[in-house]
Amino acid sequence: VRAGMSLKSVVFSVLQSAVGDFIVGFSADQLKLALWSGEIELKELEVNSEAVRKLGLPIAVRGGRVESLGVSIPWNRLGSVPVRIRVEGVVALLGA
């Protein structure tokens, strides 16, 4: 972690490298963080259909939105309890 970086900016940087290609206009403003309790939430996400196309899925995703993407990390039981990912409010425009 570089000096002067906030915890939120560090988490944002990690998420950007993990899912940033799949989200249009991803910004730290969309990030709700309660890291010590293990809760991370992203709000109002737009799917990058071009990045999804590169996955080679048998159906085309022409566009989409995700209302909320949440991650629950059980820090005190990591390894014995799963990390949970919650996706809510998915809207997808599909084509052939």
C-alpha atoms as a PDB file:
ATOM      1  CA  VAL A   1       0.000   0.000   0.000  1.00  0.00           C
ATOM      2  CA  ARG A   2       1.433   3.337  -1.019  1.00  0.00           C
ATOM      3  CA  ALA A   3       1.656   6.150   1.509  1.00  0.00           C
ATOM      4  CA  GLY A   4      -1.326   8.477   1.347  1.00  0.00           C
ATOM      5  CA  MET A   5      -3.718   5.897  -0.125  1.00  0.00           C
ATOM      6  CA  SER A   6      -6.967   5.439   1.764  1.00  0.00           C
ATOM      7  CA  LEU A   7      -8.304   1.977   2.489  1.00  0.00           C
ATOM      8  CA  LYS A   8     -11.191   2.655   0.105  1.00  0.00           C
ATOM      9  CA  SER A   9      -8.812   3.520  -2.729  1.00  0.00           C
ATOM     10  CA  VAL A  10      -6.787   0.344  -2.104  1.00  0.00           C
ATOM     11  CA  VAL A  11      -9.935  -1.834  -2.183  1.00  0.00           C
ATOM     12  CA  PHE A  12     -11.144   0.035  -5.272  1.00  0.00           C
ATOM     13  CA  SER A  13      -7.818  -0.626  -6.993  1.00  0.00           C
ATOM     14  CA  VAL A  14      -8.039  -4.366  -6.249  1.00  0.00           C
ATOM     15  CA  LEU A  15     -11.654  -4.548  -7.460  1.00  0.00           C
ATOM     16  CA  GLN A  16     -10.782  -2.508 -10.551  1.00  0.00           C
ATOM     17  CA  SER A  17      -8.139  -5.063 -11.509  1.00  0.00           C
ATOM     18  CA  ALA A  18     -10.552  -7.975 -10.850  1.00  0.00           C
ATOM     19  CA  VAL A  19     -13.815  -6.766 -12.409  1.00  0.00           C
ATOM     20  CA  GLY A  20     -13.040  -3.401 -13.968  1.00  0.00           C
ATOM     21  CA  ASP A  21     -13.003  -4.730 -17.525  1.00  0.00           C
ATOM     22  CA  PHE A  22     -16.593  -5.926 -17.140  1.00  0.00           C
ATOM     23  CA  ILE A  23     -18.014  -2.679 -15.725  1.00  0.00           C
ATOM     24  CA  VAL A  24     -18.434   0.565 -17.683  1.00  0.00           C
ATOM     25  CA  GLY A  25     -17.479   3.713 -15.782  1.00  0.00           C
ATOM     26  CA  PHE A  26     -16.532   1.916 -12.564  1.00  0.00           C
ATOM     27  CA  SER A  27     -15.667   4.498  -9.891  1.00  0.00           C
ATOM     28  CA  ALA A  28     -14.873   4.598  -6.191  1.00  0.00           C
ATOM     29  CA  ASP A  29     -18.161   6.480  -5.655  1.00  0.00           C
ATOM     30  CA  GLN A  30     -20.006   3.206  -6.339  1.00  0.00           C
ATOM     31  CA  LEU A  31     -18.143   1.434  -3.545  1.00  0.00           C
ATOM     32  CA  LYS A  32     -19.625   1.024  -0.069  1.00  0.00           C
ATOM     33  CA  LEU A  33     -17.041  -0.377   2.294  1.00  0.00           C
ATOM     34  CA  ALA A  34     -17.237  -1.880   5.773  1.00  0.00           C
ATOM     35  CA  LEU A  35     -14.056  -3.885   5.412  1.00  0.00           C
ATOM     36  CA  TRP A  36     -13.489  -4.816   9.044  1.00  0.00           C
ATOM     37  CA  SER A  37     -16.951  -6.403   9.176  1.00  0.00           C
ATOM     38  CA  GLY A  38     -16.153  -8.067   5.854  1.00  0.00           C
ATOM     39  CA  GLU A  39     -18.772  -6.249   3.764  1.00  0.00           C
ATOM     40  CA  ILE A  40     -18.067  -4.701   0.374  1.00  0.00           C
ATOM     41  CA  GLU A  41     -20.840  -3.462  -1.904  1.00  0.00           C
ATOM     42  CA  LEU A  42     -20.903  -1.948  -5.377  1.00  0.00           C
ATOM     43  CA  LYS A  43     -24.006  -0.112  -6.589  1.00  0.00           C
ATOM     44  CA  GLU A  44     -25.497   0.777  -9.984  1.00  0.00           C
ATOM     45  CA  LEU A  45     -23.122  -1.038 -12.328  1.00  0.00           C
ATOM     46  CA  GLU A  46     -23.297  -1.078 -16.120  1.00  0.00           C
ATOM     47  CA  VAL A  47     -22.058  -4.232 -17.854  1.00  0.00           C
ATOM     48  CA  ASN A  48     -19.366  -3.839 -20.525  1.00  0.00           C
ATOM     49  CA  SER A  49     -20.885  -5.998 -23.286  1.00  0.00           C
ATOM     50  CA  GLU A  50     -17.636  -6.031 -25.295  1.00  0.00           C
ATOM     51  CA  ALA A  51     -15.694  -7.549 -22.384  1.00  0.00           C
ATOM     52  CA  VAL A  52     -18.425 -10.160 -21.874  1.00  0.00           C
ATOM     53  CA  ARG A  53     -18.296 -11.004 -25.610  1.00  0.00           C
ATOM     54  CA  LYS A  54     -14.609 -11.872 -25.251  1.00  0.00           C
ATOM     55  CA  LEU A  55     -15.569 -14.641 -22.797  1.00  0.00           C
ATOM     56  CA  GLY A  56     -16.901 -16.655 -25.757  1.00  0.00           C
ATOM     57  CA  LEU A  57     -20.320 -17.376 -24.243  1.00  0.00           C
ATOM     58  CA  PRO A  58     -22.880 -19.094 -26.515  1.00  0.00           C
ATOM     59  CA  ILE A  59     -25.170 -16.052 -26.300  1.00  0.00           C
ATOM     60  CA  ALA A  60     -24.416 -12.379 -26.821  1.00  0.00           C
ATOM     61  CA  VAL A  61     -24.879  -9.874 -24.027  1.00  0.00           C
ATOM     62  CA  ARG A  62     -25.823  -6.626 -25.771  1.00  0.00           C
ATOM     63  CA  GLY A  63     -26.023  -4.630 -22.556  1.00  0.00           C
ATOM     64  CA  GLY A  64     -26.914  -4.880 -18.916  1.00  0.00           C
ATOM     65  CA  ARG A  65     -27.034  -3.411 -15.453  1.00  0.00           C
ATOM     66  CA  VAL A  66     -26.494  -4.734 -11.944  1.00  0.00           C
ATOM     67  CA  GLU A  67     -28.212  -2.886  -9.107  1.00  0.00           C
ATOM     68  CA  SER A  68     -25.927  -4.278  -6.397  1.00  0.00           C
ATOM     69  CA  LEU A  69     -22.915  -6.565  -6.121  1.00  0.00           C
ATOM     70  CA  GLY A  70     -21.962  -7.496  -2.570  1.00  0.00           C
ATOM     71  CA  VAL A  71     -19.078  -9.477  -1.117  1.00  0.00           C
ATOM     72  CA  SER A  72     -19.069 -10.872   2.443  1.00  0.00           C
ATOM     73  CA  ILE A  73     -15.667 -11.939   3.732  1.00  0.00           C
ATOM     74  CA  PRO A  74     -15.658 -13.921   7.028  1.00  0.00           C
ATOM     75  CA  TRP A  75     -12.239 -12.687   8.206  1.00  0.00           C
ATOM     76  CA  ASN A  76     -12.302 -14.612  11.500  1.00  0.00           C
ATOM     77  CA  ARG A  77     -13.160 -17.914   9.775  1.00  0.00           C
ATOM     78  CA  LEU A  78     -11.517 -17.492   6.383  1.00  0.00           C
ATOM     79  CA  GLY A  79     -10.705 -20.927   4.993  1.00  0.00           C
ATOM     80  CA  SER A  80     -13.508 -22.704   6.840  1.00  0.00           C
ATOM     81  CA  VAL A  81     -16.440 -20.485   5.849  1.00  0.00           C
ATOM     82  CA  PRO A  82     -16.951 -19.447   2.219  1.00  0.00           C
ATOM     83  CA  VAL A  83     -16.698 -15.907   0.915  1.00  0.00           C
ATOM     84  CA  ARG A  84     -20.194 -15.006  -0.273  1.00  0.00           C
ATOM     85  CA  ILE A  85     -20.955 -12.976  -3.380  1.00  0.00           C
ATOM     86  CA  ARG A  86     -24.444 -11.525  -3.780  1.00  0.00           C
ATOM     87  CA  VAL A  87     -25.764 -10.105  -7.053  1.00  0.00           C
ATOM     88  CA  GLU A  88     -29.100  -8.262  -7.078  1.00  0.00           C
ATOM     89  CA  GLY A  89     -31.166  -6.484  -9.696  1.00  0.00           C
ATOM     90  CA  VAL A  90     -29.627  -7.957 -12.841  1.00  0.00           C
ATOM     91  CA  VAL A  91     -31.046  -6.721 -16.142  1.00  0.00           C
ATOM     92  CA  ALA A  92     -29.524  -8.105 -19.350  1.00  0.00           C
ATOM     93  CA  LEU A  93     -30.241  -7.483 -23.010  1.00  0.00           C
ATOM     94  CA  LEU A  94     -29.396 -10.742 -24.800  1.00  0.00           C
ATOM     95  CA  GLY A  95     -29.080 -11.625 -28.476  1.00  0.00           C
ATOM     96  CA  ALA A  96     -27.856 -14.376 -30.746  1.00  0.00           C
END
